Amino acid sequence: MKTAAGNPHRGFTLIELLTALLILSLLALMSFRGLGAVLDAREHVRQESDKWRRVASFFARFERDAQLAAPRPVRTALGSMPAWRGQDGLAHGPRLEFSRFATEDGMDTPRRLAYRLNGEQEIELLLWPGLDLAPEVQPARYPVLTGVSRFDLQYLNADLAWVAMWPASPSDPQIPRAVQLSIVLVSGEEIVRVFALRS
């Protein structure tokens, strides 16, 4: 910009001002996108942490229940049921049903319980009020893990072979030596855990 005669001060041209505004706008846009990416990453990490915390809580609950498995058959209106009953995926009803001792802290009584995958992709815990099943008594149902597409169980017999049902033969003990639990989450991850039992 040419200065007028006798005017030593020089100002900004319109092009210089527009260039400065354009640079500032680009910097603000990049900062906004960067902040959005950071917030998206933080939300993703929070969701993943929450998912794995729920999975860990489910496995801890299952392990505690399995460790308290009781070798006691139960009486029902139709006769007697084995202490531990595992069905394959084609059967109706719970995948696993067993008798359980009271907890060591005395917060829960001996009872019959079961695990199953319901139609809403939830693993459900079924709790009966006691060990023997009275007619017309329905279990309380609690979802213990959501977002599950597959729920499989296998049982270790006395010959150290994995079987899909329990009891697999009349010579099987009341409780298997171990149980292998496999779940597939709707997000695609497969988790397999093996729990030794006090048979």
C-alpha atoms as a PDB file:
ATOM      1  CA  MET A   1       0.000   0.000   0.000  1.00  0.00           C
ATOM      2  CA  LYS A   2       1.374   3.351  -0.966  1.00  0.00           C
ATOM      3  CA  THR A   3       1.302   5.951   1.730  1.00  0.00           C
ATOM      4  CA  ALA A   4       0.170   9.475   1.146  1.00  0.00           C
ATOM      5  CA  ALA A   5       2.823  12.149   1.186  1.00  0.00           C
ATOM      6  CA  GLY A   6       3.692  13.144   4.672  1.00  0.00           C
ATOM      7  CA  ASN A   7       1.914  10.061   6.228  1.00  0.00           C
ATOM      8  CA  PRO A   8       4.539   7.681   7.677  1.00  0.00           C
ATOM      9  CA  HIS A   9       1.929   5.158   8.965  1.00  0.00           C
ATOM     10  CA  ARG A  10       1.179   2.099   6.862  1.00  0.00           C
ATOM     11  CA  GLY A  11      -2.124   0.093   7.245  1.00  0.00           C
ATOM     12  CA  PHE A  12      -3.305  -3.376   6.105  1.00  0.00           C
ATOM     13  CA  THR A  13      -4.823  -3.919   2.738  1.00  0.00           C
ATOM     14  CA  LEU A  14      -8.125  -5.722   2.301  1.00  0.00           C
ATOM     15  CA  ILE A  15      -6.350  -8.735   0.777  1.00  0.00           C
ATOM     16  CA  GLU A  16      -4.036  -9.004   3.776  1.00  0.00           C
ATOM     17  CA  LEU A  17      -6.995  -8.912   6.156  1.00  0.00           C
ATOM     18  CA  LEU A  18      -8.899 -11.547   4.164  1.00  0.00           C
ATOM     19  CA  THR A  19      -5.785 -13.780   4.072  1.00  0.00           C
ATOM     20  CA  ALA A  20      -5.379 -13.491   7.854  1.00  0.00           C
ATOM     21  CA  LEU A  21      -9.058 -14.332   8.384  1.00  0.00           C
ATOM     22  CA  LEU A  22      -8.773 -17.330   6.063  1.00  0.00           C
ATOM     23  CA  ILE A  23      -5.737 -18.660   7.952  1.00  0.00           C
ATOM     24  CA  LEU A  24      -7.494 -18.192  11.301  1.00  0.00           C
ATOM     25  CA  SER A  25     -10.604 -19.961   9.969  1.00  0.00           C
ATOM     26  CA  LEU A  26      -8.524 -22.921   8.777  1.00  0.00           C
ATOM     27  CA  LEU A  27      -6.782 -23.162  12.151  1.00  0.00           C
ATOM     28  CA  ALA A  28     -10.149 -23.054  13.963  1.00  0.00           C
ATOM     29  CA  LEU A  29     -11.567 -25.747  11.659  1.00  0.00           C
ATOM     30  CA  MET A  30      -8.553 -28.040  12.222  1.00  0.00           C
ATOM     31  CA  SER A  31      -8.801 -27.506  15.980  1.00  0.00           C
ATOM     32  CA  PHE A  32     -12.525 -28.339  15.925  1.00  0.00           C
ATOM     33  CA  ARG A  33     -11.948 -31.530  13.944  1.00  0.00           C
ATOM     34  CA  GLY A  34      -9.107 -32.536  16.247  1.00  0.00           C
ATOM     35  CA  LEU A  35     -11.269 -31.947  19.312  1.00  0.00           C
ATOM     36  CA  GLY A  36     -14.098 -33.965  17.718  1.00  0.00           C
ATOM     37  CA  ALA A  37     -11.719 -36.865  17.050  1.00  0.00           C
ATOM     38  CA  VAL A  38     -10.479 -36.771  20.656  1.00  0.00           C
ATOM     39  CA  LEU A  39     -14.053 -36.768  22.002  1.00  0.00           C
ATOM     40  CA  ASP A  40     -15.048 -39.633  19.679  1.00  0.00           C
ATOM     41  CA  ALA A  41     -12.010 -41.658  20.758  1.00  0.00           C
ATOM     42  CA  ARG A  42     -12.793 -41.022  24.429  1.00  0.00           C
ATOM     43  CA  GLU A  43     -16.402 -42.172  23.963  1.00  0.00           C
ATOM     44  CA  HIS A  44     -15.236 -45.296  22.127  1.00  0.00           C
ATOM     45  CA  VAL A  45     -12.768 -46.122  24.913  1.00  0.00           C
ATOM     46  CA  ARG A  46     -15.522 -45.583  27.513  1.00  0.00           C
ATOM     47  CA  GLN A  47     -17.902 -47.934  25.680  1.00  0.00           C
ATOM     48  CA  GLU A  48     -15.208 -50.611  25.262  1.00  0.00           C
ATOM     49  CA  SER A  49     -14.213 -50.330  28.930  1.00  0.00           C
ATOM     50  CA  ASP A  50     -17.846 -50.644  29.981  1.00  0.00           C
ATOM     51  CA  LYS A  51     -18.340 -53.696  27.728  1.00  0.00           C
ATOM     52  CA  TRP A  52     -15.282 -55.536  29.094  1.00  0.00           C
ATOM     53  CA  ARG A  53     -16.165 -54.614  32.681  1.00  0.00           C
ATOM     54  CA  ARG A  54     -19.617 -56.219  32.189  1.00  0.00           C
ATOM     55  CA  VAL A  55     -18.018 -59.314  30.615  1.00  0.00           C
ATOM     56  CA  ALA A  56     -15.568 -59.640  33.526  1.00  0.00           C
ATOM     57  CA  SER A  57     -18.418 -59.218  36.020  1.00  0.00           C
ATOM     58  CA  PHE A  58     -20.418 -61.967  34.295  1.00  0.00           C
ATOM     59  CA  PHE A  59     -17.501 -64.416  34.345  1.00  0.00           C
ATOM     60  CA  ALA A  60     -16.833 -63.634  38.015  1.00  0.00           C
ATOM     61  CA  ARG A  61     -20.505 -64.308  38.835  1.00  0.00           C
ATOM     62  CA  PHE A  62     -20.514 -67.558  36.862  1.00  0.00           C
ATOM     63  CA  GLU A  63     -17.280 -68.732  38.509  1.00  0.00           C
ATOM     64  CA  ARG A  64     -18.632 -68.007  41.978  1.00  0.00           C
ATOM     65  CA  ASP A  65     -21.842 -69.922  41.268  1.00  0.00           C
ATOM     66  CA  ALA A  66     -19.969 -72.861  39.699  1.00  0.00           C
ATOM     67  CA  GLN A  67     -17.564 -73.086  42.656  1.00  0.00           C
ATOM     68  CA  LEU A  68     -20.577 -73.426  44.971  1.00  0.00           C
ATOM     69  CA  ALA A  69     -22.175 -76.223  42.897  1.00  0.00           C
ATOM     70  CA  ALA A  70     -23.778 -78.794  45.204  1.00  0.00           C
ATOM     71  CA  PRO A  71     -23.868 -82.526  44.343  1.00  0.00           C
ATOM     72  CA  ARG A  72     -27.516 -82.725  45.372  1.00  0.00           C
ATOM     73  CA  PRO A  73     -30.340 -83.794  43.036  1.00  0.00           C
ATOM     74  CA  VAL A  74     -33.572 -81.869  43.398  1.00  0.00           C
ATOM     75  CA  ARG A  75     -37.141 -83.024  43.751  1.00  0.00           C
ATOM     76  CA  THR A  76     -39.758 -81.696  41.370  1.00  0.00           C
ATOM     77  CA  ALA A  77     -43.427 -82.409  40.741  1.00  0.00           C
ATOM     78  CA  LEU A  78     -42.352 -84.754  37.920  1.00  0.00           C
ATOM     79  CA  GLY A  79     -39.677 -86.641  39.876  1.00  0.00           C
ATOM     80  CA  SER A  80     -35.993 -86.053  40.480  1.00  0.00           C
ATOM     81  CA  MET A  81     -33.546 -83.907  38.497  1.00  0.00           C
ATOM     82  CA  PRO A  82     -29.744 -84.302  38.533  1.00  0.00           C
ATOM     83  CA  ALA A  83     -27.631 -81.935  40.584  1.00  0.00           C
ATOM     84  CA  TRP A  84     -26.019 -80.587  37.405  1.00  0.00           C
ATOM     85  CA  ARG A  85     -27.932 -80.611  34.133  1.00  0.00           C
ATOM     86  CA  GLY A  86     -26.395 -79.241  30.944  1.00  0.00           C
ATOM     87  CA  GLN A  87     -28.308 -79.291  27.669  1.00  0.00           C
ATOM     88  CA  ASP A  88     -27.124 -78.706  24.134  1.00  0.00           C
ATOM     89  CA  GLY A  89     -28.157 -75.678  22.106  1.00  0.00           C
ATOM     90  CA  LEU A  90     -31.051 -77.490  20.410  1.00  0.00           C
ATOM     91  CA  ALA A  91     -32.936 -78.187  23.647  1.00  0.00           C
ATOM     92  CA  HIS A  92     -35.609 -75.885  25.031  1.00  0.00           C
ATOM     93  CA  GLY A  93     -35.078 -74.320  28.420  1.00  0.00           C
ATOM     94  CA  PRO A  94     -31.870 -73.316  30.189  1.00  0.00           C
ATOM     95  CA  ARG A  95     -28.491 -74.361  28.803  1.00  0.00           C
ATOM     96  CA  LEU A  96     -27.262 -75.064  32.323  1.00  0.00           C
ATOM     97  CA  GLU A  97     -29.158 -75.757  35.535  1.00  0.00           C
ATOM     98  CA  PHE A  98     -27.605 -76.826  38.831  1.00  0.00           C
ATOM     99  CA  SER A  99     -27.885 -76.869  42.608  1.00  0.00           C
ATOM    100  CA  ARG A 100     -25.777 -74.432  44.564  1.00  0.00           C
ATOM    101  CA  PHE A 101     -24.675 -74.255  48.199  1.00  0.00           C
ATOM    102  CA  ALA A 102     -25.205 -71.112  50.262  1.00  0.00           C
ATOM    103  CA  THR A 103     -22.572 -68.417  49.904  1.00  0.00           C
ATOM    104  CA  GLU A 104     -19.837 -68.293  52.544  1.00  0.00           C
ATOM    105  CA  ASP A 105     -20.836 -64.811  53.678  1.00  0.00           C
ATOM    106  CA  GLY A 106     -24.375 -66.049  54.401  1.00  0.00           C
ATOM    107  CA  MET A 107     -25.938 -63.528  52.027  1.00  0.00           C
ATOM    108  CA  ASP A 108     -27.652 -66.218  49.943  1.00  0.00           C
ATOM    109  CA  THR A 109     -29.318 -69.543  50.697  1.00  0.00           C
ATOM    110  CA  PRO A 110     -28.884 -72.924  48.972  1.00  0.00           C
ATOM    111  CA  ARG A 111     -30.901 -72.781  45.772  1.00  0.00           C
ATOM    112  CA  ARG A 112     -31.385 -74.017  42.262  1.00  0.00           C
ATOM    113  CA  LEU A 113     -30.198 -71.734  39.480  1.00  0.00           C
ATOM    114  CA  ALA A 114     -29.844 -71.751  35.712  1.00  0.00           C
ATOM    115  CA  TYR A 115     -28.231 -69.832  32.863  1.00  0.00           C
ATOM    116  CA  ARG A 116     -29.729 -69.378  29.405  1.00  0.00           C
ATOM    117  CA  LEU A 117     -29.489 -67.136  26.331  1.00  0.00           C
ATOM    118  CA  ASN A 118     -32.826 -65.407  25.741  1.00  0.00           C
ATOM    119  CA  GLY A 119     -34.244 -64.001  22.502  1.00  0.00           C
ATOM    120  CA  GLU A 120     -32.948 -60.497  23.253  1.00  0.00           C
ATOM    121  CA  GLN A 121     -29.277 -61.555  23.087  1.00  0.00           C
ATOM    122  CA  GLU A 122     -28.940 -61.536  26.875  1.00  0.00           C
ATOM    123  CA  ILE A 123     -27.567 -64.228  29.133  1.00  0.00           C
ATOM    124  CA  GLU A 124     -30.188 -64.631  31.807  1.00  0.00           C
ATOM    125  CA  LEU A 125     -29.757 -65.943  35.335  1.00  0.00           C
ATOM    126  CA  LEU A 126     -32.765 -67.863  36.672  1.00  0.00           C
ATOM    127  CA  LEU A 127     -33.028 -68.206  40.457  1.00  0.00           C
ATOM    128  CA  TRP A 128     -35.486 -70.442  42.286  1.00  0.00           C
ATOM    129  CA  PRO A 129     -36.254 -69.700  45.947  1.00  0.00           C
ATOM    130  CA  GLY A 130     -34.815 -73.034  47.138  1.00  0.00           C
ATOM    131  CA  LEU A 131     -33.331 -76.320  46.020  1.00  0.00           C
ATOM    132  CA  ASP A 132     -36.460 -78.411  45.544  1.00  0.00           C
ATOM    133  CA  LEU A 133     -38.816 -77.090  42.885  1.00  0.00           C
ATOM    134  CA  ALA A 134     -42.399 -76.785  44.046  1.00  0.00           C
ATOM    135  CA  PRO A 135     -45.162 -76.960  41.430  1.00  0.00           C
ATOM    136  CA  GLU A 136     -46.130 -73.639  39.836  1.00  0.00           C
ATOM    137  CA  VAL A 137     -43.116 -71.820  41.342  1.00  0.00           C
ATOM    138  CA  GLN A 138     -41.420 -69.729  38.660  1.00  0.00           C
ATOM    139  CA  PRO A 139     -37.809 -68.568  38.940  1.00  0.00           C
ATOM    140  CA  ALA A 140     -36.808 -64.929  39.148  1.00  0.00           C
ATOM    141  CA  ARG A 141     -35.031 -63.829  35.955  1.00  0.00           C
ATOM    142  CA  TYR A 142     -32.105 -61.420  35.800  1.00  0.00           C
ATOM    143  CA  PRO A 143     -30.113 -60.406  32.706  1.00  0.00           C
ATOM    144  CA  VAL A 144     -26.429 -60.743  33.645  1.00  0.00           C
ATOM    145  CA  LEU A 145     -24.801 -59.970  30.286  1.00  0.00           C
ATOM    146  CA  THR A 146     -26.216 -58.199  27.220  1.00  0.00           C
ATOM    147  CA  GLY A 147     -25.030 -58.177  23.623  1.00  0.00           C
ATOM    148  CA  VAL A 148     -24.345 -61.936  23.334  1.00  0.00           C
ATOM    149  CA  SER A 149     -24.979 -63.763  20.059  1.00  0.00           C
ATOM    150  CA  ARG A 150     -23.844 -67.252  21.149  1.00  0.00           C
ATOM    151  CA  PHE A 151     -23.573 -69.054  24.498  1.00  0.00           C
ATOM    152  CA  ASP A 152     -22.001 -72.544  24.557  1.00  0.00           C
ATOM    153  CA  LEU A 153     -21.044 -74.875  27.377  1.00  0.00           C
ATOM    154  CA  GLN A 154     -19.045 -78.107  27.521  1.00  0.00           C
ATOM    155  CA  TYR A 155     -18.346 -80.390  30.465  1.00  0.00           C
ATOM    156  CA  LEU A 156     -15.269 -82.421  31.398  1.00  0.00           C
ATOM    157  CA  ASN A 157     -16.133 -86.004  32.353  1.00  0.00           C
ATOM    158  CA  ALA A 158     -14.160 -88.536  34.413  1.00  0.00           C
ATOM    159  CA  ASP A 159     -12.323 -89.722  31.259  1.00  0.00           C
ATOM    160  CA  LEU A 160     -11.085 -86.154  30.667  1.00  0.00           C
ATOM    161  CA  ALA A 161     -13.207 -85.779  27.550  1.00  0.00           C
ATOM    162  CA  TRP A 162     -15.355 -82.726  26.803  1.00  0.00           C
ATOM    163  CA  VAL A 163     -19.059 -83.457  26.280  1.00  0.00           C
ATOM    164  CA  ALA A 164     -21.879 -81.150  25.196  1.00  0.00           C
ATOM    165  CA  MET A 165     -24.502 -82.486  27.654  1.00  0.00           C
ATOM    166  CA  TRP A 166     -24.465 -83.452  31.324  1.00  0.00           C
ATOM    167  CA  PRO A 167     -24.953 -86.076  32.526  1.00  0.00           C
ATOM    168  CA  ALA A 168     -23.851 -87.713  29.289  1.00  0.00           C
ATOM    169  CA  SER A 169     -24.110 -91.231  30.706  1.00  0.00           C
ATOM    170  CA  PRO A 170     -25.590 -92.875  33.835  1.00  0.00           C
ATOM    171  CA  SER A 171     -22.067 -93.451  35.185  1.00  0.00           C
ATOM    172  CA  ASP A 172     -21.238 -89.727  35.221  1.00  0.00           C
ATOM    173  CA  PRO A 173     -20.807 -88.183  38.685  1.00  0.00           C
ATOM    174  CA  GLN A 174     -23.244 -85.594  39.997  1.00  0.00           C
ATOM    175  CA  ILE A 175     -21.001 -82.699  38.896  1.00  0.00           C
ATOM    176  CA  PRO A 176     -18.465 -82.578  36.032  1.00  0.00           C
ATOM    177  CA  ARG A 177     -14.777 -82.020  36.733  1.00  0.00           C
ATOM    178  CA  ALA A 178     -14.788 -78.714  34.841  1.00  0.00           C
ATOM    179  CA  VAL A 179     -16.975 -76.551  32.661  1.00  0.00           C
ATOM    180  CA  GLN A 180     -15.898 -74.666  29.553  1.00  0.00           C
ATOM    181  CA  LEU A 181     -17.919 -71.554  28.845  1.00  0.00           C
ATOM    182  CA  SER A 182     -17.745 -69.888  25.432  1.00  0.00           C
ATOM    183  CA  ILE A 183     -19.578 -66.709  24.433  1.00  0.00           C
ATOM    184  CA  VAL A 184     -19.577 -64.684  21.233  1.00  0.00           C
ATOM    185  CA  LEU A 185     -20.474 -61.011  21.579  1.00  0.00           C
ATOM    186  CA  VAL A 186     -22.549 -59.209  18.966  1.00  0.00           C
ATOM    187  CA  SER A 187     -19.441 -57.107  18.267  1.00  0.00           C
ATOM    188  CA  GLY A 188     -17.687 -60.305  17.097  1.00  0.00           C
ATOM    189  CA  GLU A 189     -15.309 -61.162  19.954  1.00  0.00           C
ATOM    190  CA  GLU A 190     -15.253 -64.761  21.213  1.00  0.00           C
ATOM    191  CA  ILE A 191     -14.276 -65.411  24.837  1.00  0.00           C
ATOM    192  CA  VAL A 192     -13.620 -68.894  26.235  1.00  0.00           C
ATOM    193  CA  ARG A 193     -13.030 -69.672  29.919  1.00  0.00           C
ATOM    194  CA  VAL A 194     -12.566 -72.973  31.732  1.00  0.00           C
ATOM    195  CA  PHE A 195     -13.621 -73.373  35.365  1.00  0.00           C
ATOM    196  CA  ALA A 196     -12.552 -76.317  37.531  1.00  0.00           C
ATOM    197  CA  LEU A 197     -15.322 -77.574  39.808  1.00  0.00           C
ATOM    198  CA  ARG A 198     -15.321 -79.141  43.238  1.00  0.00           C
ATOM    199  CA  SER A 199     -16.745 -82.451  42.106  1.00  0.00           C
END
